[in-house]
Amino acid sequence: QVQLVESGGDLVQAGGSLRLTCEVSRNLHSIHAMYWYRQAPGKEREWVATISPIGGNSNYAESVEGRFTVSRDLTEKKMYLQMNNLKPADTAVYYCKAFQLGTEYWGQGTQVTVSA
């Protein structure tokens, strides 16, 4: 079982920055992959970024490439999403997900609102 808790969501003006944090209940070495997703009002949940906890390899959705950076701290058991140059279209609830031994685990989400 893996518990995930997101934090860091806030109201920010367009062009601003935020850093989201996902705290993980277990050692990141035991997790195969971690993800950030987001869901805007009235839309389906969409993938944002992936990171491999061990190697640190990452990839991004085209809509956030060059503006968002995913990272992890193995000691602190945390994953981060640094979001720069935020746009109103980035407004959504952001979720972290962990994949371990064939099972997906989700956090409860954190709200990011970007005003024009």
PDB file of N, CA and C in Angstrom:
ATOM      1  N   GLN A   1       0.844  -1.197   0.000  1.00  0.00           N
ATOM      2  CA  GLN A   1       0.000   0.000   0.000  1.00  0.00           C
ATOM      3  C   GLN A   1       0.882   1.250   0.000  1.00  0.00           C
ATOM      4  N   VAL A   2       0.476   2.216  -0.814  1.00  0.00           N
ATOM      5  CA  VAL A   2       1.224   3.468  -0.920  1.00  0.00           C
ATOM      6  C   VAL A   2       0.240   4.612  -0.714  1.00  0.00           C
ATOM      7  N   GLN A   3       0.536   5.502   0.199  1.00  0.00           N
ATOM      8  CA  GLN A   3      -0.265   6.708   0.381  1.00  0.00           C
ATOM      9  C   GLN A   3       0.468   7.908  -0.214  1.00  0.00           C
ATOM     10  N   LEU A   4      -0.298   8.746  -0.888  1.00  0.00           N
ATOM     11  CA  LEU A   4       0.255   9.924  -1.547  1.00  0.00           C
ATOM     12  C   LEU A   4      -0.511  11.165  -1.087  1.00  0.00           C
ATOM     13  N   VAL A   5       0.210  12.220  -0.781  1.00  0.00           N
ATOM     14  CA  VAL A   5      -0.429  13.470  -0.356  1.00  0.00           C
ATOM     15  C   VAL A   5       0.186  14.622  -1.127  1.00  0.00           C
ATOM     16  N   GLU A   6      -0.651  15.314  -1.906  1.00  0.00           N
ATOM     17  CA  GLU A   6      -0.192  16.466  -2.670  1.00  0.00           C
ATOM     18  C   GLU A   6      -0.378  17.745  -1.860  1.00  0.00           C
ATOM     19  N   SER A   7       0.450  18.724  -2.151  1.00  0.00           N
ATOM     20  CA  SER A   7       0.324  20.047  -1.547  1.00  0.00           C
ATOM     21  C   SER A   7       0.980  21.074  -2.459  1.00  0.00           C
ATOM     22  N   GLY A   8       0.724  22.344  -2.168  1.00  0.00           N
ATOM     23  CA  GLY A   8       1.373  23.414  -2.918  1.00  0.00           C
ATOM     24  C   GLY A   8       0.472  24.136  -3.895  1.00  0.00           C
ATOM     25  N   GLY A   9      -0.729  23.639  -4.099  1.00  0.00           N
ATOM     26  CA  GLY A   9      -1.638  24.326  -4.998  1.00  0.00           C
ATOM     27  C   GLY A   9      -2.059  25.678  -4.444  1.00  0.00           C
ATOM     28  N   ASP A  10      -2.338  26.596  -5.360  1.00  0.00           N
ATOM     29  CA  ASP A  10      -2.668  27.967  -4.923  1.00  0.00           C
ATOM     30  C   ASP A  10      -3.284  28.723  -6.081  1.00  0.00           C
ATOM     31  N   LEU A  11      -3.677  29.964  -5.807  1.00  0.00           N
ATOM     32  CA  LEU A  11      -4.126  30.900  -6.835  1.00  0.00           C
ATOM     33  C   LEU A  11      -2.923  31.752  -7.225  1.00  0.00           C
ATOM     34  N   VAL A  12      -2.646  31.823  -8.516  1.00  0.00           N
ATOM     35  CA  VAL A  12      -1.483  32.569  -9.006  1.00  0.00           C
ATOM     36  C   VAL A  12      -1.853  33.284 -10.301  1.00  0.00           C
ATOM     37  N   GLN A  13      -1.190  34.394 -10.557  1.00  0.00           N
ATOM     38  CA  GLN A  13      -1.448  35.121 -11.802  1.00  0.00           C
ATOM     39  C   GLN A  13      -0.719  34.461 -12.964  1.00  0.00           C
ATOM     40  N   ALA A  14      -1.235  34.670 -14.146  1.00  0.00           N
ATOM     41  CA  ALA A  14      -0.582  34.159 -15.355  1.00  0.00           C
ATOM     42  C   ALA A  14       0.865  34.652 -15.402  1.00  0.00           C
ATOM     43  N   GLY A  15       1.759  33.761 -15.795  1.00  0.00           N
ATOM     44  CA  GLY A  15       3.181  34.084 -15.821  1.00  0.00           C
ATOM     45  C   GLY A  15       3.904  33.745 -14.534  1.00  0.00           C
ATOM     46  N   GLY A  16       3.163  33.425 -13.500  1.00  0.00           N
ATOM     47  CA  GLY A  16       3.756  33.104 -12.209  1.00  0.00           C
ATOM     48  C   GLY A  16       4.220  31.662 -12.133  1.00  0.00           C
ATOM     49  N   SER A  17       4.700  31.289 -10.940  1.00  0.00           N
ATOM     50  CA  SER A  17       5.246  29.956 -10.714  1.00  0.00           C
ATOM     51  C   SER A  17       4.672  29.338  -9.448  1.00  0.00           C
ATOM     52  N   LEU A  18       4.634  28.020  -9.430  1.00  0.00           N
ATOM     53  CA  LEU A  18       4.258  27.254  -8.248  1.00  0.00           C
ATOM     54  C   LEU A  18       5.086  25.985  -8.224  1.00  0.00           C
ATOM     55  N   ARG A  19       5.287  25.444  -7.018  1.00  0.00           N
ATOM     56  CA  ARG A  19       5.901  24.130  -6.896  1.00  0.00           C
ATOM     57  C   ARG A  19       4.959  23.227  -6.104  1.00  0.00           C
ATOM     58  N   LEU A  20       4.560  22.146  -6.736  1.00  0.00           N
ATOM     59  CA  LEU A  20       3.731  21.145  -6.085  1.00  0.00           C
ATOM     60  C   LEU A  20       4.612  20.063  -5.477  1.00  0.00           C
ATOM     61  N   THR A  21       4.133  19.509  -4.373  1.00  0.00           N
ATOM     62  CA  THR A  21       4.848  18.432  -3.697  1.00  0.00           C
ATOM     63  C   THR A  21       3.928  17.237  -3.529  1.00  0.00           C
ATOM     64  N   CYS A  22       4.489  16.056  -3.739  1.00  0.00           N
ATOM     65  CA  CYS A  22       3.771  14.808  -3.491  1.00  0.00           C
ATOM     66  C   CYS A  22       4.582  14.028  -2.457  1.00  0.00           C
ATOM     67  N   GLU A  23       4.028  13.875  -1.272  1.00  0.00           N
ATOM     68  CA  GLU A  23       4.695  13.103  -0.223  1.00  0.00           C
ATOM     69  C   GLU A  23       4.263  11.653  -0.322  1.00  0.00           C
ATOM     70  N   VAL A  24       5.232  10.757  -0.252  1.00  0.00           N
ATOM     71  CA  VAL A  24       4.995   9.333  -0.452  1.00  0.00           C
ATOM     72  C   VAL A  24       5.243   8.590   0.848  1.00  0.00           C
ATOM     73  N   SER A  25       4.366   7.644   1.145  1.00  0.00           N
ATOM     74  CA  SER A  25       4.472   6.935   2.427  1.00  0.00           C
ATOM     75  C   SER A  25       5.550   5.866   2.431  1.00  0.00           C
ATOM     76  N   ARG A  26       6.028   5.477   1.255  1.00  0.00           N
ATOM     77  CA  ARG A  26       7.006   4.409   1.194  1.00  0.00           C
ATOM     78  C   ARG A  26       8.289   4.881   0.520  1.00  0.00           C
ATOM     79  N   ASN A  27       9.338   4.109   0.720  1.00  0.00           N
ATOM     80  CA  ASN A  27      10.622   4.376   0.087  1.00  0.00           C
ATOM     81  C   ASN A  27      10.450   4.405  -1.431  1.00  0.00           C
ATOM     82  N   LEU A  28      10.945   5.452  -2.060  1.00  0.00           N
ATOM     83  CA  LEU A  28      10.778   5.602  -3.507  1.00  0.00           C
ATOM     84  C   LEU A  28      11.501   4.511  -4.295  1.00  0.00           C
ATOM     85  N   HIS A  29      12.481   3.862  -3.686  1.00  0.00           N
ATOM     86  CA  HIS A  29      13.202   2.794  -4.376  1.00  0.00           C
ATOM     87  C   HIS A  29      12.278   1.634  -4.728  1.00  0.00           C
ATOM     88  N   SER A  30      11.151   1.505  -4.006  1.00  0.00           N
ATOM     89  CA  SER A  30      10.242   0.387  -4.246  1.00  0.00           C
ATOM     90  C   SER A  30       9.170   0.720  -5.283  1.00  0.00           C
ATOM     91  N   ILE A  31       9.188   1.945  -5.806  1.00  0.00           N
ATOM     92  CA  ILE A  31       8.156   2.394  -6.743  1.00  0.00           C
ATOM     93  C   ILE A  31       8.748   2.437  -8.150  1.00  0.00           C
ATOM     94  N   HIS A  32       7.994   1.902  -9.114  1.00  0.00           N
ATOM     95  CA  HIS A  32       8.508   1.770 -10.470  1.00  0.00           C
ATOM     96  C   HIS A  32       8.478   3.083 -11.236  1.00  0.00           C
ATOM     97  N   ALA A  33       7.411   3.834 -11.056  1.00  0.00           N
ATOM     98  CA  ALA A  33       7.269   5.093 -11.777  1.00  0.00           C
ATOM     99  C   ALA A  33       6.303   5.993 -11.031  1.00  0.00           C
ATOM    100  N   MET A  34       6.496   7.292 -11.184  1.00  0.00           N
ATOM    101  CA  MET A  34       5.596   8.260 -10.574  1.00  0.00           C
ATOM    102  C   MET A  34       5.169   9.276 -11.613  1.00  0.00           C
ATOM    103  N   TYR A  35       3.976   9.795 -11.419  1.00  0.00           N
ATOM    104  CA  TYR A  35       3.350  10.637 -12.435  1.00  0.00           C
ATOM    105  C   TYR A  35       2.675  11.842 -11.787  1.00  0.00           C
ATOM    106  N   TRP A  36       2.515  12.874 -12.599  1.00  0.00           N
ATOM    107  CA  TRP A  36       1.605  13.981 -12.314  1.00  0.00           C
ATOM    108  C   TRP A  36       0.514  13.971 -13.385  1.00  0.00           C
ATOM    109  N   TYR A  37      -0.709  14.123 -12.925  1.00  0.00           N
ATOM    110  CA  TYR A  37      -1.864  14.277 -13.794  1.00  0.00           C
ATOM    111  C   TYR A  37      -2.598  15.543 -13.370  1.00  0.00           C
ATOM    112  N   ARG A  38      -3.518  15.995 -14.220  1.00  0.00           N
ATOM    113  CA  ARG A  38      -4.366  17.112 -13.847  1.00  0.00           C
ATOM    114  C   ARG A  38      -5.740  16.936 -14.469  1.00  0.00           C
ATOM    115  N   GLN A  39      -6.713  17.562 -13.812  1.00  0.00           N
ATOM    116  CA  GLN A  39      -8.080  17.506 -14.317  1.00  0.00           C
ATOM    117  C   GLN A  39      -8.712  18.871 -14.168  1.00  0.00           C
ATOM    118  N   ALA A  40      -9.043  19.458 -15.314  1.00  0.00           N
ATOM    119  CA  ALA A  40      -9.716  20.750 -15.338  1.00  0.00           C
ATOM    120  C   ALA A  40     -11.221  20.531 -15.249  1.00  0.00           C
ATOM    121  N   PRO A  41     -11.971  21.538 -14.811  1.00  0.00           N
ATOM    122  CA  PRO A  41     -13.427  21.394 -14.704  1.00  0.00           C
ATOM    123  C   PRO A  41     -14.055  20.986 -16.029  1.00  0.00           C
ATOM    124  N   GLY A  42     -14.861  19.948 -16.000  1.00  0.00           N
ATOM    125  CA  GLY A  42     -15.562  19.506 -17.195  1.00  0.00           C
ATOM    126  C   GLY A  42     -14.720  18.739 -18.184  1.00  0.00           C
ATOM    127  N   LYS A  43     -13.475  18.446 -17.825  1.00  0.00           N
ATOM    128  CA  LYS A  43     -12.582  17.733 -18.739  1.00  0.00           C
ATOM    129  C   LYS A  43     -12.090  16.436 -18.105  1.00  0.00           C
ATOM    130  N   GLU A  44     -11.575  15.557 -18.949  1.00  0.00           N
ATOM    131  CA  GLU A  44     -11.015  14.310 -18.459  1.00  0.00           C
ATOM    132  C   GLU A  44      -9.647  14.567 -17.823  1.00  0.00           C
ATOM    133  N   ARG A  45      -9.280  13.673 -16.934  1.00  0.00           N
ATOM    134  CA  ARG A  45      -7.961  13.755 -16.322  1.00  0.00           C
ATOM    135  C   ARG A  45      -6.908  13.511 -17.396  1.00  0.00           C
ATOM    136  N   GLU A  46      -5.855  14.332 -17.399  1.00  0.00           N
ATOM    137  CA  GLU A  46      -4.820  14.192 -18.417  1.00  0.00           C
ATOM    138  C   GLU A  46      -3.444  14.058 -17.772  1.00  0.00           C
ATOM    139  N   TRP A  47      -2.599  13.309 -18.438  1.00  0.00           N
ATOM    140  CA  TRP A  47      -1.235  13.096 -17.970  1.00  0.00           C
ATOM    141  C   TRP A  47      -0.405  14.358 -18.184  1.00  0.00           C
ATOM    142  N   VAL A  48       0.446  14.664 -17.215  1.00  0.00           N
ATOM    143  CA  VAL A  48       1.298  15.847 -17.287  1.00  0.00           C
ATOM    144  C   VAL A  48       2.775  15.471 -17.394  1.00  0.00           C
ATOM    145  N   ALA A  49       3.238  14.588 -16.507  1.00  0.00           N
ATOM    146  CA  ALA A  49       4.664  14.265 -16.476  1.00  0.00           C
ATOM    147  C   ALA A  49       4.875  12.918 -15.795  1.00  0.00           C
ATOM    148  N   THR A  50       6.010  12.299 -16.117  1.00  0.00           N
ATOM    149  CA  THR A  50       6.416  11.028 -15.528  1.00  0.00           C
ATOM    150  C   THR A  50       7.865  11.140 -15.088  1.00  0.00           C
ATOM    151  N   ILE A  51       8.192  10.472 -13.977  1.00  0.00           N
ATOM    152  CA  ILE A  51       9.581  10.378 -13.557  1.00  0.00           C
ATOM    153  C   ILE A  51       9.855   8.985 -13.037  1.00  0.00           C
ATOM    154  N   SER A  52      11.037   8.475 -13.358  1.00  0.00           N
ATOM    155  CA  SER A  52      11.494   7.212 -12.802  1.00  0.00           C
ATOM    156  C   SER A  52      12.208   7.514 -11.492  1.00  0.00           C
ATOM    157  N   PRO A  53      11.711   7.006 -10.359  1.00  0.00           N
ATOM    158  CA  PRO A  53      12.321   7.362  -9.068  1.00  0.00           C
ATOM    159  C   PRO A  53      13.803   7.003  -8.961  1.00  0.00           C
ATOM    160  N   ILE A  54      14.217   5.892  -9.564  1.00  0.00           N
ATOM    161  CA  ILE A  54      15.600   5.462  -9.419  1.00  0.00           C
ATOM    162  C   ILE A  54      16.508   6.240 -10.375  1.00  0.00           C
ATOM    163  N   GLY A  55      16.227   6.192 -11.664  1.00  0.00           N
ATOM    164  CA  GLY A  55      17.100   6.832 -12.638  1.00  0.00           C
ATOM    165  C   GLY A  55      16.872   8.321 -12.798  1.00  0.00           C
ATOM    166  N   GLY A  56      15.690   8.774 -12.422  1.00  0.00           N
ATOM    167  CA  GLY A  56      15.384  10.188 -12.576  1.00  0.00           C
ATOM    168  C   GLY A  56      14.971  10.586 -13.977  1.00  0.00           C
ATOM    169  N   ASN A  57      14.845   9.616 -14.893  1.00  0.00           N
ATOM    170  CA  ASN A  57      14.402   9.947 -16.251  1.00  0.00           C
ATOM    171  C   ASN A  57      12.991  10.508 -16.204  1.00  0.00           C
ATOM    172  N   SER A  58      12.732  11.490 -17.044  1.00  0.00           N
ATOM    173  CA  SER A  58      11.426  12.138 -17.027  1.00  0.00           C
ATOM    174  C   SER A  58      10.945  12.427 -18.433  1.00  0.00           C
ATOM    175  N   ASN A  59       9.637  12.583 -18.578  1.00  0.00           N
ATOM    176  CA  ASN A  59       9.069  13.063 -19.825  1.00  0.00           C
ATOM    177  C   ASN A  59       7.786  13.815 -19.524  1.00  0.00           C
ATOM    178  N   TYR A  60       7.359  14.612 -20.515  1.00  0.00           N
ATOM    179  CA  TYR A  60       6.312  15.596 -20.293  1.00  0.00           C
ATOM    180  C   TYR A  60       5.289  15.613 -21.418  1.00  0.00           C
ATOM    181  N   ALA A  61       4.094  16.026 -21.065  1.00  0.00           N
ATOM    182  CA  ALA A  61       3.096  16.312 -22.079  1.00  0.00           C
ATOM    183  C   ALA A  61       3.556  17.534 -22.880  1.00  0.00           C
ATOM    184  N   GLU A  62       3.175  17.549 -24.131  1.00  0.00           N
ATOM    185  CA  GLU A  62       3.596  18.641 -25.007  1.00  0.00           C
ATOM    186  C   GLU A  62       3.131  19.995 -24.474  1.00  0.00           C
ATOM    187  N   SER A  63       1.976  20.022 -23.834  1.00  0.00           N
ATOM    188  CA  SER A  63       1.401  21.282 -23.363  1.00  0.00           C
ATOM    189  C   SER A  63       2.201  21.931 -22.238  1.00  0.00           C
ATOM    190  N   VAL A  64       3.063  21.161 -21.561  1.00  0.00           N
ATOM    191  CA  VAL A  64       3.829  21.709 -20.437  1.00  0.00           C
ATOM    192  C   VAL A  64       5.329  21.643 -20.675  1.00  0.00           C
ATOM    193  N   GLU A  65       5.747  21.002 -21.739  1.00  0.00           N
ATOM    194  CA  GLU A  65       7.181  20.863 -22.043  1.00  0.00           C
ATOM    195  C   GLU A  65       7.858  22.230 -22.052  1.00  0.00           C
ATOM    196  N   GLY A  66       8.982  22.326 -21.347  1.00  0.00           N
ATOM    197  CA  GLY A  66       9.721  23.577 -21.298  1.00  0.00           C
ATOM    198  C   GLY A  66       9.271  24.530 -20.209  1.00  0.00           C
ATOM    199  N   ARG A  67       8.120  24.275 -19.610  1.00  0.00           N
ATOM    200  CA  ARG A  67       7.620  25.137 -18.525  1.00  0.00           C
ATOM    201  C   ARG A  67       7.577  24.405 -17.187  1.00  0.00           C
ATOM    202  N   PHE A  68       7.323  23.124 -17.214  1.00  0.00           N
ATOM    203  CA  PHE A  68       7.208  22.317 -15.998  1.00  0.00           C
ATOM    204  C   PHE A  68       8.435  21.405 -15.877  1.00  0.00           C
ATOM    205  N   THR A  69       8.830  21.162 -14.632  1.00  0.00           N
ATOM    206  CA  THR A  69       9.928  20.245 -14.365  1.00  0.00           C
ATOM    207  C   THR A  69       9.545  19.322 -13.212  1.00  0.00           C
ATOM    208  N   VAL A  70       9.642  18.029 -13.446  1.00  0.00           N
ATOM    209  CA  VAL A  70       9.364  17.042 -12.403  1.00  0.00           C
ATOM    210  C   VAL A  70      10.691  16.572 -11.807  1.00  0.00           C
ATOM    211  N   SER A  71      10.702  16.394 -10.508  1.00  0.00           N
ATOM    212  CA  SER A  71      11.905  15.915  -9.829  1.00  0.00           C
ATOM    213  C   SER A  71      11.485  15.090  -8.617  1.00  0.00           C
ATOM    214  N   ARG A  72      12.477  14.444  -7.982  1.00  0.00           N
ATOM    215  CA  ARG A  72      12.164  13.654  -6.793  1.00  0.00           C
ATOM    216  C   ARG A  72      13.339  13.699  -5.825  1.00  0.00           C
ATOM    217  N   ASP A  73      13.018  13.507  -4.575  1.00  0.00           N
ATOM    218  CA  ASP A  73      14.029  13.459  -3.526  1.00  0.00           C
ATOM    219  C   ASP A  73      13.866  12.112  -2.828  1.00  0.00           C
ATOM    220  N   LEU A  74      14.809  11.220  -3.067  1.00  0.00           N
ATOM    221  CA  LEU A  74      14.690   9.869  -2.517  1.00  0.00           C
ATOM    222  C   LEU A  74      14.756   9.879  -0.995  1.00  0.00           C
ATOM    223  N   THR A  75      15.570  10.757  -0.450  1.00  0.00           N
ATOM    224  CA  THR A  75      15.717  10.804   1.013  1.00  0.00           C
ATOM    225  C   THR A  75      14.442  11.307   1.675  1.00  0.00           C
ATOM    226  N   GLU A  76      13.868  12.362   1.109  1.00  0.00           N
ATOM    227  CA  GLU A  76      12.662  12.954   1.679  1.00  0.00           C
ATOM    228  C   GLU A  76      11.390  12.199   1.280  1.00  0.00           C
ATOM    229  N   LYS A  77      11.507  11.265   0.330  1.00  0.00           N
ATOM    230  CA  LYS A  77      10.349  10.516  -0.182  1.00  0.00           C
ATOM    231  C   LYS A  77       9.304  11.475  -0.736  1.00  0.00           C
ATOM    232  N   LYS A  78       9.765  12.355  -1.614  1.00  0.00           N
ATOM    233  CA  LYS A  78       8.871  13.349  -2.208  1.00  0.00           C
ATOM    234  C   LYS A  78       9.116  13.459  -3.707  1.00  0.00           C
ATOM    235  N   MET A  79       8.064  13.801  -4.400  1.00  0.00           N
ATOM    236  CA  MET A  79       8.145  14.146  -5.804  1.00  0.00           C
ATOM    237  C   MET A  79       7.646  15.588  -5.943  1.00  0.00           C
ATOM    238  N   TYR A  80       8.242  16.312  -6.876  1.00  0.00           N
ATOM    239  CA  TYR A  80       7.898  17.720  -7.045  1.00  0.00           C
ATOM    240  C   TYR A  80       7.479  17.994  -8.490  1.00  0.00           C
ATOM    241  N   LEU A  81       6.722  19.048  -8.647  1.00  0.00           N
ATOM    242  CA  LEU A  81       6.425  19.570  -9.977  1.00  0.00           C
ATOM    243  C   LEU A  81       6.606  21.078  -9.920  1.00  0.00           C
ATOM    244  N   GLN A  82       7.700  21.539 -10.510  1.00  0.00           N
ATOM    245  CA  GLN A  82       7.958  22.972 -10.609  1.00  0.00           C
ATOM    246  C   GLN A  82       7.254  23.489 -11.857  1.00  0.00           C
ATOM    247  N   MET A  83       6.375  24.442 -11.663  1.00  0.00           N
ATOM    248  CA  MET A  83       5.577  24.966 -12.775  1.00  0.00           C
ATOM    249  C   MET A  83       5.901  26.445 -12.957  1.00  0.00           C
ATOM    250  N   ASN A  84       6.436  26.787 -14.120  1.00  0.00           N
ATOM    251  CA  ASN A  84       6.795  28.162 -14.443  1.00  0.00           C
ATOM    252  C   ASN A  84       5.955  28.671 -15.606  1.00  0.00           C
ATOM    253  N   ASN A  85       5.920  29.997 -15.726  1.00  0.00           N
ATOM    254  CA  ASN A  85       5.160  30.619 -16.816  1.00  0.00           C
ATOM    255  C   ASN A  85       3.750  30.026 -16.912  1.00  0.00           C
ATOM    256  N   LEU A  86       3.071  30.000 -15.800  1.00  0.00           N
ATOM    257  CA  LEU A  86       1.736  29.392 -15.752  1.00  0.00           C
ATOM    258  C   LEU A  86       0.740  30.169 -16.598  1.00  0.00           C
ATOM    259  N   LYS A  87      -0.195  29.424 -17.169  1.00  0.00           N
ATOM    260  CA  LYS A  87      -1.231  29.982 -18.027  1.00  0.00           C
ATOM    261  C   LYS A  87      -2.600  29.643 -17.449  1.00  0.00           C
ATOM    262  N   PRO A  88      -3.616  30.419 -17.787  1.00  0.00           N
ATOM    263  CA  PRO A  88      -4.976  30.067 -17.315  1.00  0.00           C
ATOM    264  C   PRO A  88      -5.371  28.649 -17.691  1.00  0.00           C
ATOM    265  N   ALA A  89      -4.881  28.159 -18.824  1.00  0.00           N
ATOM    266  CA  ALA A  89      -5.197  26.795 -19.266  1.00  0.00           C
ATOM    267  C   ALA A  89      -4.597  25.734 -18.347  1.00  0.00           C
ATOM    268  N   ASP A  90      -3.683  26.125 -17.451  1.00  0.00           N
ATOM    269  CA  ASP A  90      -3.101  25.187 -16.494  1.00  0.00           C
ATOM    270  C   ASP A  90      -3.983  25.003 -15.264  1.00  0.00           C
ATOM    271  N   THR A  91      -5.057  25.782 -15.163  1.00  0.00           N
ATOM    272  CA  THR A  91      -5.964  25.660 -14.030  1.00  0.00           C
ATOM    273  C   THR A  91      -6.565  24.259 -13.982  1.00  0.00           C
ATOM    274  N   ALA A  92      -6.402  23.594 -12.840  1.00  0.00           N
ATOM    275  CA  ALA A  92      -6.870  22.214 -12.703  1.00  0.00           C
ATOM    276  C   ALA A  92      -6.578  21.729 -11.293  1.00  0.00           C
ATOM    277  N   VAL A  93      -7.150  20.576 -10.970  1.00  0.00           N
ATOM    278  CA  VAL A  93      -6.707  19.841  -9.789  1.00  0.00           C
ATOM    279  C   VAL A  93      -5.566  18.933 -10.238  1.00  0.00           C
ATOM    280  N   TYR A  94      -4.451  19.011  -9.540  1.00  0.00           N
ATOM    281  CA  TYR A  94      -3.273  18.230  -9.886  1.00  0.00           C
ATOM    282  C   TYR A  94      -3.147  17.039  -8.936  1.00  0.00           C
ATOM    283  N   TYR A  95      -2.911  15.874  -9.536  1.00  0.00           N
ATOM    284  CA  TYR A  95      -2.824  14.629  -8.790  1.00  0.00           C
ATOM    285  C   TYR A  95      -1.466  13.972  -9.024  1.00  0.00           C
ATOM    286  N   CYS A  96      -0.952  13.317  -8.000  1.00  0.00           N
ATOM    287  CA  CYS A  96       0.208  12.464  -8.220  1.00  0.00           C
ATOM    288  C   CYS A  96      -0.241  11.006  -8.172  1.00  0.00           C
ATOM    289  N   LYS A  97       0.488  10.189  -8.899  1.00  0.00           N
ATOM    290  CA  LYS A  97       0.192   8.769  -8.989  1.00  0.00           C
ATOM    291  C   LYS A  97       1.487   7.990  -8.873  1.00  0.00           C
ATOM    292  N   ALA A  98       1.409   6.849  -8.197  1.00  0.00           N
ATOM    293  CA  ALA A  98       2.546   5.939  -8.100  1.00  0.00           C
ATOM    294  C   ALA A  98       2.137   4.586  -8.660  1.00  0.00           C
ATOM    295  N   PHE A  99       3.079   3.932  -9.314  1.00  0.00           N
ATOM    296  CA  PHE A  99       2.831   2.607  -9.883  1.00  0.00           C
ATOM    297  C   PHE A  99       3.816   1.639  -9.256  1.00  0.00           C
ATOM    298  N   GLN A 100       3.276   0.615  -8.581  1.00  0.00           N
ATOM    299  CA  GLN A 100       4.124  -0.340  -7.877  1.00  0.00           C
ATOM    300  C   GLN A 100       3.508  -1.720  -7.948  1.00  0.00           C
ATOM    301  N   LEU A 101       4.254  -2.675  -8.431  1.00  0.00           N
ATOM    302  CA  LEU A 101       3.837  -4.079  -8.475  1.00  0.00           C
ATOM    303  C   LEU A 101       2.462  -4.238  -9.111  1.00  0.00           C
ATOM    304  N   GLY A 102       2.263  -3.525 -10.221  1.00  0.00           N
ATOM    305  CA  GLY A 102       1.030  -3.671 -10.971  1.00  0.00           C
ATOM    306  C   GLY A 102      -0.163  -2.927 -10.420  1.00  0.00           C
ATOM    307  N   THR A 103       0.043  -2.120  -9.406  1.00  0.00           N
ATOM    308  CA  THR A 103      -1.055  -1.384  -8.790  1.00  0.00           C
ATOM    309  C   THR A 103      -0.799   0.118  -8.870  1.00  0.00           C
ATOM    310  N   GLU A 104      -1.852   0.859  -9.155  1.00  0.00           N
ATOM    311  CA  GLU A 104      -1.778   2.313  -9.189  1.00  0.00           C
ATOM    312  C   GLU A 104      -2.310   2.887  -7.880  1.00  0.00           C
ATOM    313  N   TYR A 105      -1.641   3.931  -7.407  1.00  0.00           N
ATOM    314  CA  TYR A 105      -2.072   4.643  -6.211  1.00  0.00           C
ATOM    315  C   TYR A 105      -2.178   6.125  -6.547  1.00  0.00           C
ATOM    316  N   TRP A 106      -3.237   6.759  -6.046  1.00  0.00           N
ATOM    317  CA  TRP A 106      -3.482   8.169  -6.338  1.00  0.00           C
ATOM    318  C   TRP A 106      -3.557   8.982  -5.051  1.00  0.00           C
ATOM    319  N   GLY A 107      -3.158  10.233  -5.151  1.00  0.00           N
ATOM    320  CA  GLY A 107      -3.378  11.173  -4.074  1.00  0.00           C
ATOM    321  C   GLY A 107      -4.742  11.818  -4.211  1.00  0.00           C
ATOM    322  N   GLN A 108      -5.035  12.744  -3.289  1.00  0.00           N
ATOM    323  CA  GLN A 108      -6.358  13.360  -3.268  1.00  0.00           C
ATOM    324  C   GLN A 108      -6.430  14.613  -4.135  1.00  0.00           C
ATOM    325  N   GLY A 109      -5.282  15.118  -4.576  1.00  0.00           N
ATOM    326  CA  GLY A 109      -5.245  16.268  -5.469  1.00  0.00           C
ATOM    327  C   GLY A 109      -5.034  17.583  -4.752  1.00  0.00           C
ATOM    328  N   THR A 110      -4.507  18.556  -5.498  1.00  0.00           N
ATOM    329  CA  THR A 110      -4.324  19.920  -4.993  1.00  0.00           C
ATOM    330  C   THR A 110      -4.728  20.888  -6.098  1.00  0.00           C
ATOM    331  N   GLN A 111      -5.458  21.932  -5.740  1.00  0.00           N
ATOM    332  CA  GLN A 111      -6.039  22.856  -6.722  1.00  0.00           C
ATOM    333  C   GLN A 111      -5.030  23.923  -7.132  1.00  0.00           C
ATOM    334  N   VAL A 112      -4.863  24.072  -8.423  1.00  0.00           N
ATOM    335  CA  VAL A 112      -4.063  25.159  -8.991  1.00  0.00           C
ATOM    336  C   VAL A 112      -4.991  26.028  -9.829  1.00  0.00           C
ATOM    337  N   THR A 113      -5.024  27.305  -9.531  1.00  0.00           N
ATOM    338  CA  THR A 113      -5.854  28.236 -10.272  1.00  0.00           C
ATOM    339  C   THR A 113      -4.974  29.372 -10.788  1.00  0.00           C
ATOM    340  N   VAL A 114      -5.021  29.584 -12.093  1.00  0.00           N
ATOM    341  CA  VAL A 114      -4.208  30.623 -12.716  1.00  0.00           C
ATOM    342  C   VAL A 114      -5.138  31.683 -13.275  1.00  0.00           C
ATOM    343  N   SER A 115      -5.008  32.890 -12.775  1.00  0.00           N
ATOM    344  CA  SER A 115      -5.860  33.982 -13.230  1.00  0.00           C
ATOM    345  C   SER A 115      -5.198  34.730 -14.387  1.00  0.00           C
ATOM    346  N   ALA A 116      -6.041  35.254 -15.272  1.00  0.00           N
ATOM    347  CA  ALA A 116      -5.517  35.961 -16.449  1.00  0.00           C
ATOM    348  C   ALA A 116      -4.950  37.329 -16.082  1.00  0.00           C
TER     349      ALA A 116
END
